[in-house]
């Protein structure tokens, strides 16, 4: 346990967070954190179970005198996004997160921190273990694999939960209470091909292009910031390289998470040897251009080219051209803000992953929208772009948005409690990122739901950090809200 972090206030929460930083929990590899949560619940003598979808549920009875309060579901997701800086050796399946205190923030060295949704997990564990907090009946729901497809929420059975109110802890700006969020759908795009054997020639050489240093971030929460997408920038240059330097593409890889703005991209191309110096200079010029275009947004863009060993095969020229043209053409970023609410994104897409391995090129795009019809329209537009390029396009992981309820009783209670306890009236907002509330609400349509959390900056990137003071205020708000839940 990190003693510096464990000594922060409230200690009951930070001690849990310090502990779970030592437990690997990247999406898809949740065995260790699941075991820890279940053992913790059982050690408290509480009803603890795991459903077929991998979700963990722990039930805690009401404290004395609070038995008549409406039962509450406290909800957080178990997994974290595994992102690291390029030159860092870190295995998210085995290595702990190296968290540390940096002034007003808790951060991690060169990796994502996992405050998303680790602070939510920690606060719920602290409530389960407390002998002094007052609350009505509680169900603690820890959902499986939210970051890769919300599979735990999708797999919830309609007879599992007994609560009337759901408090989602997966928001990232203190002082905001969310009553609605965007829905989403994944586009899984593939190009299959037969590699063309390449015979090394003295007249040609292989160059490795490496684009790094971008900020990346959450493709929902941060999409409106206009950050550079490594895939878009790489393929912009690749099109130029094919046109001007007769470049031939051997391999490309950019991004590794469907819901993170890609921070890095790498490609290997073959060019005429006599043009090497000019080619390297062109890369440097593009680096300067990208830095200029993103001068107020990105501060560490690096674009380099170096000679490497020649590959054994190339991507067929027709497939190469179709891939490059479709990536250059595809929509990326904010498509539209909500009409009448110009500071909230309505519809967006993020070109999250491009990878070429073993005669298969895969492209993954996440489309989000608070409008179901606009979500479908943008997904259809992107589908058309890649179908014209000869790719196979499939939709997967679609999930509904969370419709706002302006008459929500728990929302009104939360506003009153926040104003009284923290002296600030919270802002009620719509989140462009996907929350599990929409999916859970489709299975449990009578649930009264809100979402809130402490201030977490740059989730889904190695710059992720959580504000220490905001965690203390989040804790006071959450615990006072539980004490003020209405009677049945």
Protein backbone atom coordinates (compact mmCIF):
# COMPACT_ATOMS: atom_id res chain seq x y z
CA UNK A 1 0.00 0.00 0.00
CA UNK A 2 1.26 3.48 -0.91
CA UNK A 3 1.40 5.20 2.49
CA UNK A 4 1.31 8.73 1.05
CA UNK A 5 -1.87 8.02 -0.88
CA UNK A 6 -3.41 5.96 1.93
CA UNK A 7 -2.98 8.89 4.34
CA UNK A 8 -5.05 11.28 2.22
CA UNK A 9 -8.52 12.27 3.39
CA UNK A 10 -10.87 10.54 3.58
CA UNK A 11 -8.48 7.76 4.53
CA UNK A 12 -11.22 5.12 4.45
CA UNK A 13 -11.56 5.74 0.69
CA UNK A 14 -7.93 6.35 -0.27
CA UNK A 15 -6.74 3.21 1.49
CA UNK A 16 -8.99 1.17 -0.75
CA UNK A 17 -7.79 3.06 -3.82
CA UNK A 18 -4.15 2.47 -2.91
CA UNK A 19 -4.90 -1.23 -2.54
CA UNK A 20 -6.69 -1.65 -5.86
CA UNK A 21 -3.85 0.17 -7.65
CA UNK A 22 -1.81 -2.91 -6.77
CA UNK A 23 -4.39 -5.25 -8.34
CA UNK A 24 -4.23 -5.55 -12.15
CA UNK A 25 -7.63 -4.86 -13.71
CA UNK A 26 -7.36 -3.99 -17.42
CA UNK A 27 -10.47 -4.68 -19.44
CA UNK A 28 -10.80 -8.36 -20.19
CA UNK A 29 -8.59 -9.43 -17.29
CA UNK A 30 -10.65 -8.90 -14.16
CA UNK A 31 -10.11 -12.17 -12.33
CA UNK A 32 -7.92 -10.66 -9.61
CA UNK A 33 -10.05 -7.60 -8.85
CA UNK A 34 -13.22 -9.72 -8.94
CA UNK A 35 -11.73 -12.13 -6.44
CA UNK A 36 -10.63 -9.25 -4.19
CA UNK A 37 -14.07 -7.59 -4.22
CA UNK A 38 -15.86 -10.86 -3.47
CA UNK A 39 -13.50 -11.80 -0.67
CA UNK A 40 -13.93 -8.34 0.84
CA UNK A 41 -17.72 -8.59 0.79
CA UNK A 42 -17.68 -12.04 2.35
CA UNK A 43 -15.19 -10.90 5.02
CA UNK A 44 -17.80 -8.35 6.13
CA UNK A 45 -20.42 -11.06 6.41
CA UNK A 46 -22.47 -9.54 3.59
CA UNK A 47 -24.40 -11.35 0.89
CA UNK A 48 -21.96 -11.50 -2.03
CA UNK A 49 -22.53 -13.03 -5.45
CA UNK A 50 -21.32 -12.98 -9.04
CA UNK A 51 -23.71 -13.30 -11.98
CA UNK A 52 -23.18 -14.99 -15.34
CA UNK A 53 -21.99 -11.72 -16.91
CA UNK A 54 -19.16 -11.33 -14.38
CA UNK A 55 -20.82 -8.58 -12.33
CA UNK A 56 -20.32 -8.65 -8.56
CA UNK A 57 -23.22 -7.71 -6.26
CA UNK A 58 -22.91 -7.12 -2.51
CA UNK A 59 -25.94 -6.37 -0.34
CA UNK A 60 -25.67 -4.44 2.93
CA UNK A 61 -28.70 -3.98 5.22
CA UNK A 62 -29.83 -0.57 6.41
CA UNK A 63 -28.24 0.89 9.50
CA UNK A 64 -30.39 1.23 12.62
CA UNK A 65 -33.30 3.62 12.12
CA UNK A 66 -32.86 3.79 8.32
CA UNK A 67 -34.79 0.66 7.39
CA UNK A 68 -37.66 2.60 5.81
CA UNK A 69 -35.49 4.42 3.27
CA UNK A 70 -35.71 3.54 -0.40
CA UNK A 71 -33.09 0.93 -1.32
CA UNK A 72 -30.11 2.31 -3.24
CA UNK A 73 -27.82 0.70 -5.82
CA UNK A 74 -24.26 2.07 -5.71
CA UNK A 75 -22.63 1.31 -9.05
CA UNK A 76 -19.08 1.37 -10.47
CA UNK A 77 -17.28 -0.64 -13.16
CA UNK A 78 -14.39 -2.94 -12.33
CA UNK A 79 -12.09 -2.39 -15.32
CA UNK A 80 -9.66 0.34 -16.28
CA UNK A 81 -8.29 1.46 -19.65
CA UNK A 82 -4.70 0.17 -20.13
CA UNK A 83 -2.75 2.99 -21.79
CA UNK A 84 0.98 3.70 -21.42
CA UNK A 85 3.65 5.83 -23.00
CA UNK A 86 5.44 4.16 -25.91
CA UNK A 87 8.84 3.51 -24.35
CA UNK A 88 7.53 2.33 -20.98
CA UNK A 89 7.65 -1.35 -20.08
CA UNK A 90 4.45 -2.11 -18.20
CA UNK A 91 2.30 -5.23 -18.30
CA UNK A 92 -1.21 -4.24 -17.21
CA UNK A 93 -2.12 -7.88 -16.61
CA UNK A 94 0.58 -8.38 -13.98
CA UNK A 95 2.12 -5.06 -12.90
CA UNK A 96 0.67 -2.69 -10.27
CA UNK A 97 -0.09 0.92 -11.11
CA UNK A 98 2.70 3.20 -9.86
CA UNK A 99 0.52 5.94 -8.37
CA UNK A 100 1.92 9.00 -6.61
CA UNK A 101 0.89 12.38 -5.19
CA UNK A 102 1.75 15.41 -7.32
CA UNK A 103 0.65 18.53 -5.47
CA UNK A 104 -3.15 18.68 -5.64
CA UNK A 105 -3.42 15.55 -7.76
CA UNK A 106 -2.87 11.80 -7.69
CA UNK A 107 -1.28 10.51 -10.90
CA UNK A 108 0.49 7.42 -12.25
CA UNK A 109 3.95 7.19 -13.78
CA UNK A 110 3.61 6.84 -17.56
CA UNK A 111 0.35 4.86 -17.47
CA UNK A 112 -3.32 5.40 -16.92
CA UNK A 113 -4.14 5.75 -13.23
CA UNK A 114 -7.46 3.91 -13.10
CA UNK A 115 -9.21 6.62 -11.09
CA UNK A 116 -11.83 6.00 -13.77
CA UNK A 117 -13.67 4.15 -12.14
CA UNK A 118 -11.31 3.24 -9.28
CA UNK A 119 -12.42 6.12 -7.08
CA UNK A 120 -16.01 4.95 -7.47
CA UNK A 121 -15.03 1.39 -6.53
CA UNK A 122 -13.09 2.63 -3.52
CA UNK A 123 -15.92 4.83 -2.24
CA UNK A 124 -18.39 1.95 -2.45
CA UNK A 125 -16.02 -0.43 -0.65
CA UNK A 126 -15.54 2.20 2.05
CA UNK A 127 -19.30 2.50 2.53
CA UNK A 128 -19.70 -1.26 2.72
CA UNK A 129 -17.02 -1.49 5.40
CA UNK A 130 -18.09 1.52 7.49
CA UNK A 131 -19.67 0.99 10.89
CA UNK A 132 -20.55 4.66 11.41
CA UNK A 133 -22.20 5.92 8.21
CA UNK A 134 -26.00 6.09 8.14
CA UNK A 135 -27.82 4.66 5.15
CA UNK A 136 -30.81 2.62 4.04
CA UNK A 137 -30.57 -0.75 2.28
CA UNK A 138 -27.66 -0.82 -0.18
CA UNK A 139 -26.76 -2.95 -3.16
CA UNK A 140 -23.19 -2.47 -4.39
CA UNK A 141 -23.00 -3.33 -8.09
CA UNK A 142 -19.56 -3.71 -9.66
CA UNK A 143 -19.98 -4.19 -13.40
CA UNK A 144 -17.74 -6.16 -15.73
CA UNK A 145 -15.80 -4.76 -18.71
CA UNK A 146 -17.46 -1.38 -19.11
CA UNK A 147 -14.61 0.14 -21.09
CA UNK A 148 -14.59 -2.38 -23.95
CA UNK A 149 -18.31 -2.75 -24.53
CA UNK A 150 -20.30 -2.41 -21.29
CA UNK A 151 -20.65 -6.19 -21.29
CA UNK A 152 -21.51 -6.44 -17.60
CA UNK A 153 -24.36 -3.94 -17.87
CA UNK A 154 -25.61 -5.61 -21.05
CA UNK A 155 -25.62 -8.99 -19.30
CA UNK A 156 -27.61 -7.91 -16.25
CA UNK A 157 -30.67 -10.08 -15.70
CA UNK A 158 -33.95 -8.29 -14.82
CA UNK A 159 -34.36 -10.20 -11.54
CA UNK A 160 -30.97 -9.43 -9.96
CA UNK A 161 -31.35 -5.89 -8.57
CA UNK A 162 -33.84 -4.93 -5.88
CA UNK A 163 -33.09 -1.21 -5.45
CA UNK A 164 -35.25 1.77 -6.43
CA UNK A 165 -32.47 4.31 -6.95
CA UNK A 166 -29.15 3.94 -8.80
CA UNK A 167 -26.17 6.19 -8.03
CA UNK A 168 -23.57 5.83 -10.78
CA UNK A 169 -20.08 6.96 -9.70
CA UNK A 170 -18.50 7.15 -13.17
CA UNK A 171 -18.60 10.90 -13.85
CA UNK A 172 -15.48 13.04 -13.88
CA UNK A 173 -16.22 16.63 -12.88
CA UNK A 174 -17.18 17.58 -9.36
CA UNK A 175 -20.09 19.94 -9.06
CA UNK A 176 -21.84 18.31 -12.00
CA UNK A 177 -24.71 15.84 -11.74
CA UNK A 178 -25.55 13.92 -14.90
CA UNK A 179 -29.10 12.94 -15.79
CA UNK A 180 -28.50 11.75 -19.37
CA UNK A 181 -25.77 10.38 -21.63
CA UNK A 182 -25.07 9.44 -25.22
CA UNK A 183 -25.60 6.05 -26.75
CA UNK A 184 -23.00 4.44 -28.96
CA UNK A 185 -22.18 1.81 -31.54
CA UNK A 186 -18.92 0.26 -32.75
CA UNK A 187 -18.02 -0.09 -36.41
CA UNK A 188 -15.75 -3.09 -37.00
CA UNK A 189 -14.13 -2.70 -40.43
CA UNK A 190 -11.84 -5.22 -42.08
CA UNK A 191 -9.80 -5.58 -45.25
CA UNK A 192 -8.56 -9.09 -46.03
CA UNK A 193 -5.70 -9.55 -48.48
CA UNK A 194 -2.87 -11.77 -49.64
CA UNK A 195 0.57 -10.39 -48.87
CA UNK A 196 2.88 -9.72 -51.78
CA UNK A 197 6.35 -11.20 -51.12
CA UNK A 198 8.99 -8.50 -51.18
CA UNK A 199 12.54 -9.10 -52.43
CA UNK A 200 15.05 -6.64 -51.06
CA UNK A 201 16.65 -4.34 -53.60
CA UNK A 202 19.56 -1.92 -53.37
CA UNK A 203 17.39 0.60 -55.17
CA UNK A 204 14.80 0.63 -52.39
CA UNK A 205 14.79 0.84 -48.61
CA UNK A 206 12.35 0.53 -45.72
CA UNK A 207 11.45 3.51 -43.54
CA UNK A 208 9.67 3.32 -40.20
CA UNK A 209 7.36 6.24 -39.50
CA UNK A 210 6.60 6.93 -35.85
CA UNK A 211 4.03 9.51 -34.70
CA UNK A 212 4.00 9.97 -30.92
CA UNK A 213 3.51 12.50 -28.13
CA UNK A 214 -0.18 13.24 -28.68
CA UNK A 215 -2.41 13.77 -25.66
CA UNK A 216 -5.12 11.31 -26.62
CA UNK A 217 -7.82 11.01 -23.98
CA UNK A 218 -11.39 9.80 -23.63
CA UNK A 219 -13.14 9.71 -27.00
CA UNK A 220 -16.38 10.89 -25.39
CA UNK A 221 -15.37 13.27 -22.60
CA UNK A 222 -12.48 14.85 -24.55
CA UNK A 223 -13.74 14.68 -28.15
CA UNK A 224 -14.83 18.34 -28.15
CA UNK A 225 -11.29 19.49 -27.30
CA UNK A 226 -10.15 18.94 -30.88
CA UNK A 227 -7.11 16.85 -29.97
CA UNK A 228 -5.11 15.27 -32.77
CA UNK A 229 -5.94 11.71 -33.79
CA UNK A 230 -2.72 9.80 -34.52
CA UNK A 231 -4.40 7.59 -37.12
CA UNK A 232 -5.76 10.54 -39.09
CA UNK A 233 -2.40 12.34 -39.07
CA UNK A 234 -0.46 9.21 -40.06
CA UNK A 235 -2.71 8.39 -42.99
CA UNK A 236 -2.73 12.00 -44.13
CA UNK A 237 1.03 11.70 -44.57
CA UNK A 238 0.82 8.20 -46.05
CA UNK A 239 -1.39 9.47 -48.87
CA UNK A 240 1.17 12.16 -49.63
CA UNK A 241 4.01 9.63 -49.47
CA UNK A 242 2.28 7.32 -51.94
CA UNK A 243 1.58 10.17 -54.35
CA UNK A 244 4.95 11.93 -54.19
CA UNK A 245 7.42 9.17 -53.23
CA UNK A 246 5.79 6.07 -54.72
CA UNK A 247 5.73 4.66 -51.19
CA UNK A 248 4.49 1.11 -50.66
CA UNK A 249 2.89 0.21 -47.35
CA UNK A 250 4.12 -2.90 -45.54
CA UNK A 251 2.60 -2.48 -42.08
CA UNK A 252 0.69 0.03 -39.98
CA UNK A 253 -0.64 0.21 -36.41
CA UNK A 254 -2.32 3.06 -34.57
CA UNK A 255 -4.27 3.17 -31.31
CA UNK A 256 -5.18 0.21 -29.10
CA UNK A 257 -8.49 1.09 -27.43
CA UNK A 258 -11.82 1.64 -29.15
CA UNK A 259 -12.83 4.39 -26.71
CA UNK A 260 -9.54 6.28 -26.46
CA UNK A 261 -8.34 8.96 -28.88
CA UNK A 262 -5.22 7.33 -30.42
CA UNK A 263 -2.01 8.92 -29.22
CA UNK A 264 0.51 7.02 -31.35
CA UNK A 265 0.77 5.44 -34.79
CA UNK A 266 3.56 3.54 -36.53
CA UNK A 267 3.98 2.48 -40.17
CA UNK A 268 6.63 0.85 -42.36
CA UNK A 269 6.90 1.86 -46.02
CA UNK A 270 9.22 1.09 -48.93
CA UNK A 271 10.57 4.05 -50.92
CA UNK A 272 13.25 4.56 -53.60
CA UNK A 273 16.63 4.71 -51.84
CA UNK A 274 17.69 7.84 -53.73
CA UNK A 275 14.86 9.80 -52.11
CA UNK A 276 15.71 8.93 -48.51
CA UNK A 277 17.00 12.36 -47.46
CA UNK A 278 14.10 14.18 -49.12
CA UNK A 279 11.66 11.76 -47.48
CA UNK A 280 13.11 12.36 -44.02
CA UNK A 281 12.92 16.10 -44.62
CA UNK A 282 9.27 15.76 -45.66
CA UNK A 283 8.50 13.97 -42.40
CA UNK A 284 10.16 16.79 -40.49
CA UNK A 285 8.10 19.31 -42.46
CA UNK A 286 4.90 17.45 -41.59
CA UNK A 287 5.91 17.40 -37.94
CA UNK A 288 6.30 21.19 -38.10
CA UNK A 289 2.95 21.46 -39.89
CA UNK A 290 1.14 19.31 -37.31
CA UNK A 291 2.68 21.28 -34.45
CA UNK A 292 1.53 24.51 -36.08
CA UNK A 293 -2.03 23.25 -36.71
CA UNK A 294 -2.38 21.99 -33.13
CA UNK A 295 -0.28 24.70 -31.44
CA UNK A 296 -2.87 25.56 -28.80
CA UNK A 297 -4.01 21.96 -28.25
CA UNK A 298 -1.02 19.59 -28.48
CA UNK A 299 2.41 20.37 -27.05
CA UNK A 300 4.61 17.32 -27.70
CA UNK A 301 3.94 16.00 -31.23
CA UNK A 302 6.83 13.96 -32.58
CA UNK A 303 6.94 12.60 -36.15
CA UNK A 304 10.08 10.77 -37.21
CA UNK A 305 11.38 8.47 -39.95
CA UNK A 306 14.26 6.01 -39.67
CA UNK A 307 15.64 3.31 -41.94
CA UNK A 308 14.85 -0.23 -40.81
CA UNK A 309 15.26 -3.77 -42.06
CA UNK A 310 13.24 -4.42 -45.18
CA UNK A 311 10.00 -6.39 -44.65
CA UNK A 312 9.31 -9.76 -46.21
CA UNK A 313 5.97 -8.74 -47.69
CA UNK A 314 3.87 -5.74 -48.72
CA UNK A 315 0.18 -4.94 -48.58
CA UNK A 316 -1.21 -5.16 -52.16
CA UNK A 317 -1.25 -1.77 -53.83
CA UNK A 318 -5.00 -1.79 -54.43
CA UNK A 319 -5.73 -2.60 -50.77
CA UNK A 320 -3.15 -0.03 -49.67
CA UNK A 321 -4.79 2.72 -51.72
CA UNK A 322 -8.32 1.76 -50.64
CA UNK A 323 -7.27 1.75 -46.98
CA UNK A 324 -5.46 5.08 -47.17
CA UNK A 325 -8.22 6.85 -49.07
CA UNK A 326 -10.98 5.56 -46.79
CA UNK A 327 -9.11 6.53 -43.61
CA UNK A 328 -8.39 10.00 -44.99
CA UNK A 329 -12.05 10.39 -46.01
CA UNK A 330 -13.75 9.07 -42.87
CA UNK A 331 -15.41 11.44 -40.41
CA UNK A 332 -13.58 11.84 -37.11
CA UNK A 333 -14.38 14.09 -34.17
CA UNK A 334 -17.47 16.17 -33.41
CA UNK A 335 -20.13 16.06 -36.09
CA UNK A 336 -22.76 18.22 -34.36
CA UNK A 337 -23.53 19.92 -31.07
CA UNK A 338 -26.97 19.55 -29.52
CA UNK A 339 -29.26 22.12 -31.20
CA UNK A 340 -30.14 24.73 -28.61
CA UNK A 341 -27.40 23.48 -26.26
CA UNK A 342 -24.26 24.59 -28.13
CA UNK A 343 -21.79 23.60 -25.41
CA UNK A 344 -22.78 19.90 -25.43
CA UNK A 345 -21.75 17.45 -28.15
CA UNK A 346 -24.64 15.60 -29.74
CA UNK A 347 -22.90 13.31 -32.27
CA UNK A 348 -19.28 12.30 -32.79
CA UNK A 349 -17.04 9.54 -34.05
CA UNK A 350 -13.54 8.45 -33.08
CA UNK A 351 -11.20 6.46 -35.33
CA UNK A 352 -9.76 4.47 -32.45
CA UNK A 353 -7.76 1.61 -33.98
CA UNK A 354 -6.05 0.76 -37.26
CA UNK A 355 -3.94 -2.40 -37.34
CA UNK A 356 -2.49 -4.66 -40.03
CA UNK A 357 -1.55 -8.17 -38.98
CA UNK A 358 -1.38 -11.51 -40.84
CA UNK A 359 -3.18 -10.52 -44.04
CA UNK A 360 -5.93 -8.69 -42.14
CA UNK A 361 -6.37 -4.96 -41.66
CA UNK A 362 -8.79 -3.97 -38.89
CA UNK A 363 -10.27 -0.53 -38.33
CA UNK A 364 -12.43 0.28 -35.31
CA UNK A 365 -14.57 3.40 -34.97
CA UNK A 366 -16.83 4.35 -32.06
CA UNK A 367 -19.87 6.48 -32.91
CA UNK A 368 -21.67 8.31 -30.08
CA UNK A 369 -24.82 10.42 -30.00
CA UNK A 370 -27.60 11.51 -27.68
CA UNK A 371 -29.86 11.17 -30.74
CA UNK A 372 -30.55 7.60 -31.83
CA UNK A 373 -31.39 8.73 -35.36
CA UNK A 374 -28.19 10.80 -35.69
CA UNK A 375 -26.13 7.93 -34.32
CA UNK A 376 -27.54 5.66 -37.01
CA UNK A 377 -27.05 8.30 -39.70
CA UNK A 378 -23.37 8.87 -38.90
CA UNK A 379 -22.71 5.13 -38.61
CA UNK A 380 -24.34 4.66 -42.03
CA UNK A 381 -22.21 7.42 -43.54
CA UNK A 382 -19.01 5.85 -42.22
CA UNK A 383 -20.17 2.43 -43.37
CA UNK A 384 -20.66 3.81 -46.89
CA UNK A 385 -17.15 5.25 -46.93
CA UNK A 386 -15.55 1.91 -46.19
CA UNK A 387 -17.94 -0.17 -48.32
CA UNK A 388 -16.92 1.95 -51.30
CA UNK A 389 -13.33 0.99 -50.46
CA UNK A 390 -14.21 -2.70 -50.60
CA UNK A 391 -14.05 -3.34 -46.86
CA UNK A 392 -16.32 -5.50 -44.75
CA UNK A 393 -18.24 -3.41 -42.21
CA UNK A 394 -20.11 -4.75 -39.18
CA UNK A 395 -21.83 -3.00 -36.28
CA UNK A 396 -21.33 -4.30 -32.74
CA UNK A 397 -21.63 -3.27 -29.12
CA UNK A 398 -24.53 -0.91 -29.69
CA UNK A 399 -25.98 0.54 -26.54
CA UNK A 400 -28.81 3.00 -25.89
CA UNK A 401 -28.51 6.49 -24.56
CA UNK A 402 -29.89 7.46 -21.18
CA UNK A 403 -33.02 9.56 -21.56
CA UNK A 404 -33.26 12.56 -19.18
CA UNK A 405 -35.90 12.65 -16.45
CA UNK A 406 -36.41 16.23 -15.35
CA UNK A 407 -38.86 15.09 -12.67
CA UNK A 408 -36.41 12.64 -11.07
CA UNK A 409 -36.90 12.60 -7.27
CA UNK A 410 -33.28 11.57 -6.60
CA UNK A 411 -32.05 14.39 -8.82
CA UNK A 412 -34.00 16.93 -6.77
CA UNK A 413 -32.74 15.40 -3.51
CA UNK A 414 -29.16 15.41 -4.80
CA UNK A 415 -29.34 19.09 -5.78
CA UNK A 416 -30.63 20.00 -2.31
CA UNK A 417 -28.00 17.90 -0.50
CA UNK A 418 -25.12 19.18 -2.66
CA UNK A 419 -26.19 22.79 -2.12
CA UNK A 420 -26.57 22.35 1.65
CA UNK A 421 -23.45 20.25 2.33
CA UNK A 422 -20.98 21.85 -0.10
CA UNK A 423 -22.50 25.32 -0.38
CA UNK A 424 -22.68 25.10 -4.18
CA UNK A 425 -25.68 24.37 -6.35
CA UNK A 426 -24.58 21.66 -8.78
CA UNK A 427 -24.97 21.91 -12.53
CA UNK A 428 -27.26 19.32 -14.08
CA UNK A 429 -25.75 18.08 -17.33
CA UNK A 430 -25.86 15.65 -20.23
CA UNK A 431 -22.70 13.56 -20.81
CA UNK A 432 -21.48 12.78 -24.31
CA UNK A 433 -19.57 9.74 -23.08
CA UNK A 434 -21.48 6.53 -22.60
CA UNK A 435 -22.59 5.60 -19.10
CA UNK A 436 -23.98 2.25 -18.06
CA UNK A 437 -27.15 3.99 -16.87
CA UNK A 438 -28.73 3.78 -20.32
CA UNK A 439 -28.22 0.02 -20.55
CA UNK A 440 -29.20 -0.67 -16.94
CA UNK A 441 -32.25 1.57 -17.35
CA UNK A 442 -33.38 -0.45 -20.37
CA UNK A 443 -33.42 -3.59 -18.20
CA UNK A 444 -34.80 -1.81 -15.11
CA UNK A 445 -37.02 0.95 -16.56
CA UNK A 446 -38.35 2.07 -13.16
CA UNK A 447 -34.97 2.94 -11.69
CA UNK A 448 -34.41 6.56 -10.67
CA UNK A 449 -30.79 7.35 -11.66
CA UNK A 450 -28.11 10.03 -11.50
CA UNK A 451 -24.35 10.02 -12.06
CA UNK A 452 -21.61 12.04 -10.34
CA UNK A 453 -17.99 11.81 -9.28
CA UNK A 454 -14.81 13.72 -8.39
CA UNK A 455 -12.67 15.69 -10.84
CA UNK A 456 -10.64 13.37 -13.07
CA UNK A 457 -8.69 14.88 -15.94
CA UNK A 458 -7.54 13.06 -19.10
CA UNK A 459 -9.05 9.62 -18.44
CA UNK A 460 -8.01 6.89 -20.90
CA UNK A 461 -4.53 8.42 -21.24
CA UNK A 462 -1.25 8.32 -19.26
CA UNK A 463 -1.96 11.92 -18.26
CA UNK A 464 -4.94 10.79 -16.18
CA UNK A 465 -5.09 12.42 -12.74
CA UNK A 466 -7.65 12.85 -9.97
CA UNK A 467 -7.98 15.97 -7.86
CA UNK A 468 -7.47 15.15 -4.17
CA UNK A 469 -9.68 17.86 -2.71
CA UNK A 470 -12.52 16.96 -5.07
CA UNK A 471 -12.48 13.37 -3.79
CA UNK A 472 -13.05 14.60 -0.24
CA UNK A 473 -15.97 16.74 -1.38
CA UNK A 474 -17.37 13.89 -3.50
CA UNK A 475 -17.22 11.64 -0.43
CA UNK A 476 -19.08 14.15 1.75
CA UNK A 477 -21.75 14.59 -0.89
CA UNK A 478 -22.18 10.84 -1.44
CA UNK A 479 -22.40 9.93 2.23
CA UNK A 480 -24.79 12.79 3.04
CA UNK A 481 -26.93 11.87 0.04
CA UNK A 482 -27.24 8.30 1.38
CA UNK A 483 -28.30 9.69 4.75
CA UNK A 484 -31.00 11.78 3.06
CA UNK A 485 -32.51 9.19 0.73
CA UNK A 486 -36.33 9.52 0.89
CA UNK A 487 -38.46 6.93 2.66
CA UNK A 488 -40.21 4.29 0.60
